[in-house]
């Protein structure tokens, strides 16, 4: 079994589910005890709070797309650089670069450490 190929397949499914706001698919990709951490508050986010965030972002952006810039397998998972793109209600283009370090076990994501610039995210909350 090639674990790096498994992790990359999980990454592909994850981005596809995020792009269409498929909560059921995302929840199935997450392990039940996933740890979701963000650099801006350094706190762990629950799955339910993560789902609320996903729905909020989709409510604020039309044409939302996670544009994967690079992805590489690491032991036990993958690292991904992406840009979350969409159109704000004002008609302005939104683009926020981010990086995620994801651990994968048994074809599920067990942890995510996500790094993003909150200055870029402010446009979502106007």
Protein backbone atom coordinates (compact mmCIF):
# COMPACT_ATOMS: atom_id res chain seq x y z
CA UNK A 1 0.00 0.00 0.00
CA UNK A 2 1.36 3.43 -0.92
CA UNK A 3 0.40 5.75 1.92
CA UNK A 4 1.45 8.89 0.06
CA UNK A 5 -0.94 8.00 -2.80
CA UNK A 6 -3.69 7.39 -0.23
CA UNK A 7 -3.06 10.80 1.35
CA UNK A 8 -3.12 12.49 -2.06
CA UNK A 9 -6.44 10.81 -2.89
CA UNK A 10 -7.85 12.06 0.43
CA UNK A 11 -6.57 15.55 -0.40
CA UNK A 12 -8.31 15.46 -3.80
CA UNK A 13 -11.60 14.34 -2.23
CA UNK A 14 -11.27 16.98 0.50
CA UNK A 15 -10.79 19.90 -1.89
CA UNK A 16 -13.61 18.67 -4.14
CA UNK A 17 -15.97 18.52 -1.13
CA UNK A 18 -14.92 21.97 0.13
CA UNK A 19 -15.45 23.52 -3.30
CA UNK A 20 -19.11 22.44 -3.37
CA UNK A 21 -19.79 22.81 0.38
CA UNK A 22 -20.57 19.11 0.77
CA UNK A 23 -20.80 18.84 4.55
CA UNK A 24 -21.52 15.11 4.55
CA UNK A 25 -18.44 14.39 2.42
CA UNK A 26 -16.20 16.64 4.53
CA UNK A 27 -17.43 15.02 7.75
CA UNK A 28 -16.68 11.58 6.24
CA UNK A 29 -13.18 12.71 5.27
CA UNK A 30 -12.51 13.98 8.80
CA UNK A 31 -11.71 11.46 11.50
CA UNK A 32 -14.18 11.74 14.41
CA UNK A 33 -11.43 13.10 16.68
CA UNK A 34 -9.81 15.48 14.15
CA UNK A 35 -7.77 18.38 15.49
CA UNK A 36 -8.25 21.55 13.40
CA UNK A 37 -5.86 24.35 14.34
CA UNK A 38 -5.45 27.84 12.84
CA UNK A 39 -2.44 30.09 13.22
CA UNK A 40 -4.50 33.23 13.86
CA UNK A 41 -5.97 32.11 17.22
CA UNK A 42 -3.87 29.01 18.00
CA UNK A 43 -6.96 27.18 19.25
CA UNK A 44 -8.42 23.87 18.20
CA UNK A 45 -11.66 24.11 16.25
CA UNK A 46 -14.38 21.49 16.57
CA UNK A 47 -15.83 19.74 13.53
CA UNK A 48 -19.16 21.54 14.08
CA UNK A 49 -17.46 24.96 14.21
CA UNK A 50 -15.46 24.05 11.12
CA UNK A 51 -18.71 23.19 9.30
CA UNK A 52 -20.22 26.53 10.39
CA UNK A 53 -17.16 28.29 8.97
CA UNK A 54 -17.42 26.37 5.69
CA UNK A 55 -21.10 27.29 5.29
CA UNK A 56 -20.44 30.93 6.20
CA UNK A 57 -17.65 31.23 3.63
CA UNK A 58 -19.90 29.72 0.96
CA UNK A 59 -22.67 32.16 1.92
CA UNK A 60 -20.29 35.10 1.39
CA UNK A 61 -18.52 33.98 -1.80
CA UNK A 62 -19.99 32.96 -5.12
CA UNK A 63 -17.92 30.74 -7.35
CA UNK A 64 -15.83 29.63 -4.41
CA UNK A 65 -12.86 27.55 -5.47
CA UNK A 66 -9.83 26.27 -3.62
CA UNK A 67 -7.10 26.70 -6.21
CA UNK A 68 -4.35 24.25 -5.26
CA UNK A 69 -0.97 25.82 -6.00
CA UNK A 70 1.16 22.97 -4.70
CA UNK A 71 0.75 19.79 -2.72
CA UNK A 72 3.35 17.34 -1.51
CA UNK A 73 3.22 14.12 0.41
CA UNK A 74 4.87 14.12 3.81
CA UNK A 75 5.18 11.21 6.22
CA UNK A 76 1.63 10.54 7.39
CA UNK A 77 -0.12 13.11 5.23
CA UNK A 78 0.32 16.08 2.94
CA UNK A 79 1.16 19.79 2.85
CA UNK A 80 -0.85 21.98 0.56
CA UNK A 81 -0.59 25.59 -0.56
CA UNK A 82 -3.83 26.95 -1.99
CA UNK A 83 -5.70 30.14 -2.73
CA UNK A 84 -9.34 30.37 -1.74
CA UNK A 85 -10.99 32.36 -4.51
CA UNK A 86 -14.47 33.70 -5.06
CA UNK A 87 -16.56 36.80 -5.61
CA UNK A 88 -17.78 38.87 -2.65
CA UNK A 89 -21.33 40.25 -2.46
CA UNK A 90 -19.87 43.64 -3.48
CA UNK A 91 -18.67 42.10 -6.73
CA UNK A 92 -15.04 42.36 -5.63
CA UNK A 93 -12.75 39.44 -6.32
CA UNK A 94 -11.57 37.62 -3.19
CA UNK A 95 -8.31 35.65 -3.09
CA UNK A 96 -6.73 34.43 0.14
CA UNK A 97 -3.54 32.36 0.06
CA UNK A 98 -3.23 29.69 2.73
CA UNK A 99 -1.17 26.66 3.66
CA UNK A 100 -2.45 23.50 5.33
CA UNK A 101 -0.49 20.68 6.91
CA UNK A 102 -2.74 17.62 7.08
CA UNK A 103 -2.18 14.29 8.75
CA UNK A 104 -4.02 11.30 7.27
CA UNK A 105 -4.71 7.91 8.79
CA UNK A 106 -7.04 5.20 7.47
CA UNK A 107 -8.08 7.48 4.58
CA UNK A 108 -9.29 10.21 6.93
CA UNK A 109 -7.76 13.52 7.92
CA UNK A 110 -6.80 13.37 11.60
CA UNK A 111 -5.36 16.87 11.95
CA UNK A 112 -5.12 20.12 10.04
CA UNK A 113 -2.78 22.99 10.86
CA UNK A 114 -3.91 25.87 8.66
CA UNK A 115 -1.95 29.06 8.15
CA UNK A 116 -3.60 32.13 6.66
CA UNK A 117 -3.40 35.91 6.82
CA UNK A 118 -6.40 37.29 8.73
CA UNK A 119 -5.94 40.68 7.02
CA UNK A 120 -6.96 38.97 3.79
CA UNK A 121 -9.92 37.26 5.49
CA UNK A 122 -11.43 40.54 6.75
CA UNK A 123 -13.24 41.07 3.46
CA UNK A 124 -15.40 38.01 4.26
CA UNK A 125 -16.77 39.69 7.39
CA UNK A 126 -17.68 43.12 5.99
